[in-house]
């Protein structure tokens, strides 16, 4: 709910658009958005160093909600588990397939060279 409200009022920034284009926004996306907002909203800082921008306040509140009960740790664990179970084996398979294609390609080059 808080994220939906925070998304409604975002600056036109290519990195923000890229982050928000995904269907799932996690803690790390929120952290990146805050880093971007620090650049785009730097003129809204008061003399105490607090941001007066409602955008920044909304995203800081989202981060606080993640951190309040360490939910971000569970989400990070979930992402890590998913990477270990699915992404890493997929990458290994892609590397193996690429190596096979490269070997076949080198073999074909050797055959053509020997045939000349």
Protein backbone atom coordinates (compact mmCIF):
# COMPACT_ATOMS: atom_id res chain seq x y z
CA UNK A 1 0.00 0.00 0.00
CA UNK A 2 2.76 2.44 0.95
CA UNK A 3 4.79 1.48 -2.11
CA UNK A 4 1.82 2.06 -4.41
CA UNK A 5 1.35 5.52 -2.95
CA UNK A 6 5.06 6.29 -3.26
CA UNK A 7 5.13 5.14 -6.90
CA UNK A 8 2.38 7.58 -7.88
CA UNK A 9 4.63 10.62 -7.43
CA UNK A 10 8.02 9.85 -8.93
CA UNK A 11 10.38 12.08 -10.91
CA UNK A 12 11.02 11.38 -14.57
CA UNK A 13 14.39 9.69 -14.28
CA UNK A 14 15.57 6.83 -16.53
CA UNK A 15 16.88 4.69 -13.67
CA UNK A 16 13.69 5.13 -11.66
CA UNK A 17 11.60 4.20 -14.69
CA UNK A 18 13.73 1.09 -15.19
CA UNK A 19 13.41 0.06 -11.53
CA UNK A 20 9.67 0.59 -11.46
CA UNK A 21 9.05 -1.20 -14.76
CA UNK A 22 9.42 -4.60 -13.09
CA UNK A 23 6.47 -6.36 -11.55
CA UNK A 24 8.18 -6.90 -8.21
CA UNK A 25 9.79 -4.15 -6.15
CA UNK A 26 11.97 -5.32 -3.29
CA UNK A 27 14.00 -3.70 -0.53
CA UNK A 28 17.03 -3.26 -2.75
CA UNK A 29 14.99 -1.45 -5.39
CA UNK A 30 13.72 0.88 -2.68
CA UNK A 31 17.30 1.56 -1.58
CA UNK A 32 18.30 2.44 -5.15
CA UNK A 33 15.28 4.72 -5.51
CA UNK A 34 16.29 6.57 -2.35
CA UNK A 35 19.82 7.01 -3.71
CA UNK A 36 18.39 8.46 -6.92
CA UNK A 37 16.04 10.72 -4.96
CA UNK A 38 19.00 12.03 -2.97
CA UNK A 39 20.28 13.44 -6.26
CA UNK A 40 16.97 14.65 -7.68
CA UNK A 41 15.62 16.05 -4.40
CA UNK A 42 18.83 17.53 -3.00
CA UNK A 43 17.42 21.05 -3.16
CA UNK A 44 14.60 20.09 -0.78
CA UNK A 45 16.94 19.57 2.19
CA UNK A 46 16.46 21.87 5.13
CA UNK A 47 19.23 23.30 7.29
CA UNK A 48 19.14 20.23 9.57
CA UNK A 49 19.78 17.87 6.66
CA UNK A 50 16.25 16.45 6.52
CA UNK A 51 14.46 16.13 3.22
CA UNK A 52 11.30 18.18 2.87
CA UNK A 53 10.17 16.31 -0.21
CA UNK A 54 7.11 14.09 0.22
CA UNK A 55 8.62 11.65 -2.29
CA UNK A 56 11.67 11.14 -0.11
CA UNK A 57 9.56 10.84 3.03
CA UNK A 58 7.37 8.18 1.41
CA UNK A 59 10.32 6.04 0.31
CA UNK A 60 12.09 6.46 3.64
CA UNK A 61 8.92 5.25 5.33
CA UNK A 62 8.86 2.19 3.06
CA UNK A 63 12.47 1.42 4.01
CA UNK A 64 11.64 1.83 7.71
CA UNK A 65 8.75 -0.61 7.34
CA UNK A 66 11.10 -3.15 5.74
CA UNK A 67 13.68 -2.68 8.48
CA UNK A 68 11.27 -2.53 11.42
CA UNK A 69 10.89 -6.28 11.77
CA UNK A 70 13.90 -7.26 9.65
CA UNK A 71 11.67 -8.19 6.73
CA UNK A 72 14.41 -7.11 4.34
CA UNK A 73 16.62 -9.92 5.68
CA UNK A 74 13.99 -12.52 4.87
CA UNK A 75 13.56 -11.05 1.41
CA UNK A 76 17.33 -11.04 0.85
CA UNK A 77 17.45 -14.68 1.95
CA UNK A 78 14.67 -15.52 -0.49
CA UNK A 79 16.51 -13.80 -3.35
CA UNK A 80 19.75 -15.56 -2.44
CA UNK A 81 18.02 -18.93 -2.29
CA UNK A 82 16.37 -18.34 -5.65
CA UNK A 83 19.70 -17.42 -7.20
CA UNK A 84 21.37 -20.51 -5.79
CA UNK A 85 18.59 -22.88 -6.84
CA UNK A 86 17.71 -21.49 -10.27
CA UNK A 87 19.90 -18.71 -11.59
CA UNK A 88 23.34 -20.20 -10.95
CA UNK A 89 22.53 -23.61 -12.48
CA UNK A 90 21.01 -21.84 -15.48
CA UNK A 91 24.15 -19.73 -15.92
CA UNK A 92 26.33 -22.84 -15.67
CA UNK A 93 24.24 -24.50 -18.37
CA UNK A 94 24.57 -21.44 -20.59
CA UNK A 95 28.35 -21.41 -20.12
CA UNK A 96 28.55 -25.12 -20.96
CA UNK A 97 26.42 -24.63 -24.08
CA UNK A 98 28.54 -21.66 -25.16
CA UNK A 99 31.73 -23.66 -24.67
CA UNK A 100 30.30 -26.51 -26.75
CA UNK A 101 29.34 -24.12 -29.54
CA UNK A 102 32.77 -22.53 -29.43
CA UNK A 103 34.43 -25.96 -29.60
CA UNK A 104 32.27 -26.98 -32.56
CA UNK A 105 33.01 -23.68 -34.26
CA UNK A 106 36.76 -24.12 -33.73
CA UNK A 107 36.48 -27.70 -35.05
CA UNK A 108 34.71 -26.45 -38.19
CA UNK A 109 37.41 -23.82 -38.73
CA UNK A 110 40.09 -26.52 -38.44
CA UNK A 111 38.30 -28.73 -40.98
CA UNK A 112 37.96 -25.86 -43.45
CA UNK A 113 41.61 -24.92 -42.97
CA UNK A 114 42.79 -28.52 -43.46
CA UNK A 115 40.63 -28.91 -46.53
CA UNK A 116 42.15 -25.92 -48.33
